[in-house]
Every structure is written in C-alpha cells, then in structure tokens.
Protein backbone atom coordinates (compact mmCIF):
# COMPACT_ATOMS: atom_id res chain seq x y z
CA UNK A 1 106.69 88.68 132.99
CA UNK A 2 105.99 87.09 135.53
CA UNK A 3 105.57 83.04 134.12
CA UNK A 4 108.93 83.81 132.91
CA UNK A 5 110.87 84.59 135.70
CA UNK A 6 109.47 81.44 137.48
CA UNK A 7 110.81 79.77 134.53
CA UNK A 8 114.39 81.51 135.33
CA UNK A 9 113.60 80.62 138.81
CA UNK A 10 113.74 77.11 138.10
CA UNK A 11 116.32 76.44 135.72
CA UNK A 12 118.59 78.81 138.67
CA UNK A 13 117.01 75.88 140.47
CA UNK A 14 118.20 73.18 138.09
CA UNK A 15 120.93 70.58 139.56
CA UNK A 16 124.23 72.08 138.08
CA UNK A 17 124.90 67.88 136.37
CA UNK A 18 121.84 68.03 134.90
CA UNK A 19 123.20 71.03 132.41
CA UNK A 20 124.64 69.18 128.88
CA UNK A 21 127.91 70.09 128.16
CA UNK A 22 128.37 73.14 126.40
CA UNK A 23 127.90 73.18 122.45
CA UNK A 24 130.46 75.09 120.05
CA UNK A 25 129.38 78.31 119.47
CA UNK A 26 128.60 77.56 115.70
CA UNK A 27 125.98 74.65 117.46
CA UNK A 28 124.43 77.52 119.68
CA UNK A 29 123.70 79.37 116.39
CA UNK A 30 122.08 76.66 115.15
CA UNK A 31 120.14 75.37 117.80
CA UNK A 32 118.87 79.40 118.34
CA UNK A 33 118.21 80.94 114.91
CA UNK A 34 115.18 82.16 114.33
CA UNK A 35 114.61 80.00 111.34
CA UNK A 36 115.19 77.15 113.16
CA UNK A 37 112.59 77.90 115.92
CA UNK A 38 109.72 79.13 113.43
CA UNK A 39 111.12 75.70 111.54
CA UNK A 40 110.19 73.59 114.63
CA UNK A 41 107.23 75.55 116.34
CA UNK A 42 104.22 74.03 117.20
CA UNK A 43 100.74 74.11 115.18
CA UNK A 44 99.09 76.50 117.26
CA UNK A 45 101.86 78.44 116.80
CA UNK A 46 101.87 78.42 113.56
CA UNK A 47 98.43 79.33 112.64
CA UNK A 48 98.93 82.82 114.85
CA UNK A 49 102.42 83.33 112.75
CA UNK A 50 100.43 82.53 109.46
CA UNK A 51 97.34 84.65 110.51
CA UNK A 52 99.24 87.36 111.75
CA UNK A 53 101.79 87.12 108.42
CA UNK A 54 97.95 87.54 106.38
CA UNK A 55 97.44 90.32 108.12
CA UNK A 56 100.44 92.23 107.59
CA UNK A 57 99.96 91.36 104.00
CA UNK A 58 96.36 92.59 103.62
CA UNK A 59 98.03 95.22 105.84
CA UNK A 60 100.56 96.80 103.58
CA UNK A 61 98.37 96.35 100.61
CA UNK A 62 95.73 98.89 101.86
CA UNK A 63 98.47 101.22 102.92
CA UNK A 64 99.83 101.24 99.26
CA UNK A 65 96.69 101.88 98.08
CA UNK A 66 95.20 104.12 100.65
CA UNK A 67 98.48 106.25 100.48
CA UNK A 68 97.55 106.84 96.40
CA UNK A 69 93.72 107.70 96.78
CA UNK A 70 94.51 110.05 99.16
CA UNK A 71 97.18 111.63 97.38
CA UNK A 72 94.79 111.78 94.18
CA UNK A 73 91.58 113.10 96.47
CA UNK A 74 94.11 116.81 97.17
CA UNK A 75 95.58 116.96 94.40
CA UNK A 76 92.23 116.80 92.69
CA UNK A 77 90.47 119.23 94.73
CA UNK A 78 93.24 121.50 94.68
CA UNK A 79 92.90 121.13 90.59
CA UNK A 80 89.80 122.03 90.48
CA UNK A 81 89.44 124.89 93.33
CA UNK A 82 92.08 126.49 91.21
CA UNK A 83 89.70 126.58 88.10
CA UNK A 84 86.40 127.22 90.39
CA UNK A 85 87.80 130.04 91.88
CA UNK A 86 89.39 131.40 88.73
CA UNK A 87 86.34 132.55 87.55
CA UNK A 88 84.58 130.58 85.57
CA UNK A 89 80.93 130.46 84.51
CA UNK A 90 79.22 127.90 87.19
CA UNK A 91 77.34 126.53 83.97
CA UNK A 92 80.40 125.58 82.11
CA UNK A 93 81.97 124.23 85.49
CA UNK A 94 78.37 121.78 86.02
CA UNK A 95 78.78 120.64 82.36
CA UNK A 96 82.08 119.58 82.06
CA UNK A 97 81.52 117.69 85.23
CA UNK A 98 78.32 116.02 83.66
CA UNK A 99 80.39 115.38 80.33
CA UNK A 100 80.37 111.95 78.86
CA UNK A 101 78.73 110.43 82.33
CA UNK A 102 82.33 111.61 83.61
CA UNK A 103 83.27 109.86 87.11
CA UNK A 104 83.30 113.24 89.39
CA UNK A 105 84.60 112.89 93.35
CA UNK A 106 85.90 115.23 95.56
CA UNK A 107 84.91 118.82 95.33
CA UNK A 108 83.69 118.04 91.76
CA UNK A 109 81.22 115.93 93.26
CA UNK A 110 80.04 118.58 95.74
CA UNK A 111 79.70 120.82 93.09
CA UNK A 112 77.73 118.92 90.71
CA UNK A 113 75.67 117.26 93.45
CA UNK A 114 74.91 121.07 94.93
CA UNK A 115 74.54 122.71 91.24
CA UNK A 116 72.33 120.23 90.02
CA UNK A 117 69.88 120.46 92.95
CA UNK A 118 69.86 124.36 92.96
CA UNK A 119 69.13 124.41 89.05
CA UNK A 120 66.67 121.65 89.06
CA UNK A 121 64.11 123.75 92.38
CA UNK A 122 65.51 127.13 90.18
CA UNK A 123 63.39 125.96 87.27
CA UNK A 124 60.09 125.11 89.55
CA UNK A 125 57.30 128.05 89.25
CA UNK A 126 57.20 129.82 92.71
CA UNK A 127 60.56 128.45 94.25
CA UNK A 128 61.62 130.93 96.70
CA UNK A 129 65.84 131.24 96.71
CA UNK A 130 65.49 129.93 100.77
CA UNK A 131 64.01 126.74 99.44
CA UNK A 132 66.55 126.25 96.52
CA UNK A 133 69.95 127.32 98.76
CA UNK A 134 68.17 124.54 101.62
CA UNK A 135 67.67 122.23 99.09
CA UNK A 136 71.55 122.51 97.26
CA UNK A 137 73.32 122.66 100.75
CA UNK A 138 71.23 119.05 101.09
CA UNK A 139 72.90 117.20 98.02
CA UNK A 140 75.84 118.76 98.98
CA UNK A 141 76.18 117.29 102.49
CA UNK A 142 74.98 113.85 100.98
CA UNK A 143 77.18 114.31 98.40
CA UNK A 144 80.12 115.32 101.00
CA UNK A 145 79.79 112.11 103.18
CA UNK A 146 79.56 109.89 100.57
CA UNK A 147 82.94 111.65 99.78
CA UNK A 148 84.24 110.92 103.13
CA UNK A 149 83.26 107.87 103.63
CA UNK A 150 84.99 105.94 100.24
CA UNK A 151 88.08 107.70 101.57
CA UNK A 152 87.48 106.00 104.74
CA UNK A 153 87.25 102.82 103.12
CA UNK A 154 89.59 100.09 104.61
CA UNK A 155 90.94 102.31 107.42
CA UNK A 156 88.66 100.17 110.15
CA UNK A 157 90.99 97.19 108.72
CA UNK A 158 93.99 98.81 109.53
CA UNK A 159 93.07 99.86 113.04
CA UNK A 160 91.49 96.13 113.87
CA UNK A 161 95.29 94.79 112.80
CA UNK A 162 96.71 97.64 115.27
CA UNK A 163 95.25 97.22 118.05
CA UNK A 164 94.74 93.04 117.59
CA UNK A 165 97.60 91.77 116.48
CA UNK A 166 99.74 91.49 119.81
CA UNK A 167 97.22 89.96 121.02
CA UNK A 168 97.38 87.16 118.49
CA UNK A 169 101.14 87.06 119.29
CA UNK A 170 100.85 86.94 122.49
CA UNK A 171 98.60 84.39 122.75
CA UNK A 172 101.46 82.17 120.67
CA UNK A 173 103.76 83.04 123.59
CA UNK A 174 101.57 81.78 126.14
CA UNK A 175 101.11 78.98 124.50
CA UNK A 176 105.07 78.43 123.62
CA UNK A 177 105.31 79.06 127.47
CA UNK A 178 103.21 76.42 128.24
CA UNK A 179 104.84 74.01 125.86
CA UNK A 180 107.97 74.59 127.64
CA UNK A 181 106.53 73.99 131.34
CA UNK A 182 104.48 71.06 130.19
CA UNK A 183 108.48 69.89 128.64
CA UNK A 184 109.97 70.84 132.17
CA UNK A 185 107.23 68.39 134.01
CA UNK A 186 108.12 65.69 132.33
CA UNK A 187 112.01 65.67 132.87
CA UNK A 188 113.42 64.82 136.34
CA UNK A 189 115.32 67.84 135.31
CA UNK A 190 115.61 70.39 132.57
CA UNK A 191 119.14 72.98 131.29
CA UNK A 192 118.82 75.64 128.79
CA UNK A 193 119.67 73.94 125.59
CA UNK A 194 116.20 72.03 126.62
CA UNK A 195 114.14 74.63 127.22
CA UNK A 196 115.39 77.10 125.26
CA UNK A 197 113.78 76.22 121.52
CA UNK A 198 110.22 76.81 123.33
CA UNK A 199 110.97 80.45 124.49
CA UNK A 200 112.40 81.30 121.22
CA UNK A 201 109.18 80.57 119.43
CA UNK A 202 107.40 82.05 121.94
CA UNK A 203 109.17 85.03 121.75
CA UNK A 204 108.81 85.25 117.66
CA UNK A 205 104.81 85.43 117.85
CA UNK A 206 105.10 88.45 120.05
CA UNK A 207 107.84 90.38 117.84
CA UNK A 208 105.66 88.88 114.30
CA UNK A 209 102.69 90.88 116.19
CA UNK A 210 104.60 93.75 117.07
CA UNK A 211 105.73 93.38 113.18
CA UNK A 212 101.99 93.19 111.86
CA UNK A 213 100.55 96.16 114.63
CA UNK A 214 103.04 98.69 114.48
CA UNK A 215 102.79 100.14 110.41
CA UNK A 216 99.09 99.20 110.83
CA UNK A 217 98.76 101.72 113.45
CA UNK A 218 101.12 104.21 111.88
CA UNK A 219 99.00 103.99 108.59
CA UNK A 220 95.75 104.31 110.35
CA UNK A 221 96.99 107.39 112.31
CA UNK A 222 98.42 109.11 108.93
CA UNK A 223 95.41 108.37 106.37
CA UNK A 224 93.14 109.30 109.47
CA UNK A 225 95.24 112.32 109.82
CA UNK A 226 94.35 113.00 105.87
CA UNK A 227 91.19 111.92 105.64
CA UNK A 228 90.08 114.22 108.22
CA UNK A 229 91.80 117.64 106.61
CA UNK A 230 89.81 116.69 103.29
CA UNK A 231 86.86 116.58 105.48
CA UNK A 232 87.08 119.76 106.66
CA UNK A 233 88.44 121.14 102.90
CA UNK A 234 84.98 119.93 101.29
CA UNK A 235 83.24 121.44 104.38
CA UNK A 236 84.50 124.66 103.91
CA UNK A 237 83.88 124.51 99.91
CA UNK A 238 79.98 123.84 100.13
CA UNK A 239 80.10 126.76 102.97
CA UNK A 240 81.66 129.30 99.97
CA UNK A 241 80.11 127.69 97.74
CA UNK A 242 76.34 127.99 99.84
CA UNK A 243 77.46 131.28 99.64
CA UNK A 244 77.62 132.21 96.10
CA UNK A 245 74.16 130.16 95.25
CA UNK A 246 72.78 131.98 98.10
CA UNK A 247 73.63 135.37 95.55
CA UNK A 248 72.30 133.44 92.61
CA UNK A 249 69.20 132.99 93.96
CA UNK A 250 68.46 136.65 94.96
CA UNK A 251 70.05 138.00 91.99
CA UNK A 252 67.29 135.46 90.17
CA UNK A 253 64.60 136.36 91.97
CA UNK A 254 61.57 138.34 90.33
C-alpha cells in the first residue's frame, strides 16, 4: 500500500502541462480494459498469471472429484451400517465382502479386516479371547488409517493453492509496480495515462491470486470437515464391532 501511496503522490506532483489531452470515453475504456492489460503484460506477470490459472484449474478438478468421492463414501457407510445393524449374520456379511475379489471401502473394509483377523486367530488352538480381540482391533485400526488416508488424498494440494496463490499474485503486483516506477524514472514527467497500464497489470495479478485461492480454501475446509466426520463414524463403528467380537469370543470360549 505504501508503494501505491508514493506513486499517487508522484502523479499529483507532476506538472499539469505534462498530462496528455483527455481521451474520449471509448478510448479510455479500450486502454483500461482487463484483456488489454493482460495482453500487454510483461513476461514475469504472464508467468504468474499462467501459474495461477493452472493452479485454479487443478483445484476445480480436485474439488469435483473429491465431492463425488466423499459423497460416495458417506452413502456407502450408511448403506453398510444399515445392513450390519439389521441383524445379518457376520459370516454372511464377510462372504459378501470378499466374494469375487470385490474391492471394499469404508466401514465394509474395516469390518472385513477385523473379522478376517478375528477368524484367523480363532482357528488357532489355545488362543485366548483377549488375543483374538486385540488382533481384530489392530486389523481394524490399520484399515481405518488407510481409508482416512485415501479420503485425505489431494487435500494438501488445495491447502497449498489456498495459502500460496495470494503471495504469487502479490509477486506479480510488485513486479508490475516496479515496472511502472522504472517507466516514470525514464521520463521527465508522467501522467495517469502513462502509468495506468502498469498499475492495471499489477492489480490483475492480485485479483488472479485471490481467484485461485478463495475456492481452494473454501473447498479444503469443507472437505476436511467431511473427512473428519467420516473418520469419527469409522472409529465409532470399529468400537461397536469390537464389542460384538468380544462377546462372540467369550461365547466360543470352551
């Protein structure tokens, strides 16, 4: 902001006779249009705008993909829990989860990992119920961590775009203002029409940085909340399933 203040002060101190003749409204609109400023931007500002544009496009692709993934994970968890708590046989549910090498996710994958380890340990002779339960819990914790890690995939990119883009745009702004000051230094005097393209170029870089950052920050916060809710849901299911396996282990105990 201090740079802009000094620039305005320099323009106010410029001799009146140095100011060019007033242009027509149509000419001013053409000279100060956004697309004209972008077309006449310097190479560093072009690189900044291109980098921000790529980051914005990648962010929107991730946003649409993650929206579908997280929505599907929530629906799958609800469907499996409804089936699980309807009183279905655990062995039957396990066979459904493992049939035809079907890929399972979410609560179904946690159930499969826990019940598989529980069944494997129960077949061993002399294995006490506590060891069976601990093995099932370890299997569920490992699978839960993998499920949450898959849900968090690419969220760090959104966080990076949201935090870095304003600074990248600020770099373009500073470069544009530096170029404007260099133009003023090469002239005896300068008017608004001479420095306006550089200022416009600088402000467009800032606007582009905000355009890339705001959706990324919003999406990251939204998706991080959804992942946390699913994580809590997975942990609650794992705890409840552990209680069922504990009762099952003591029932089967000789």
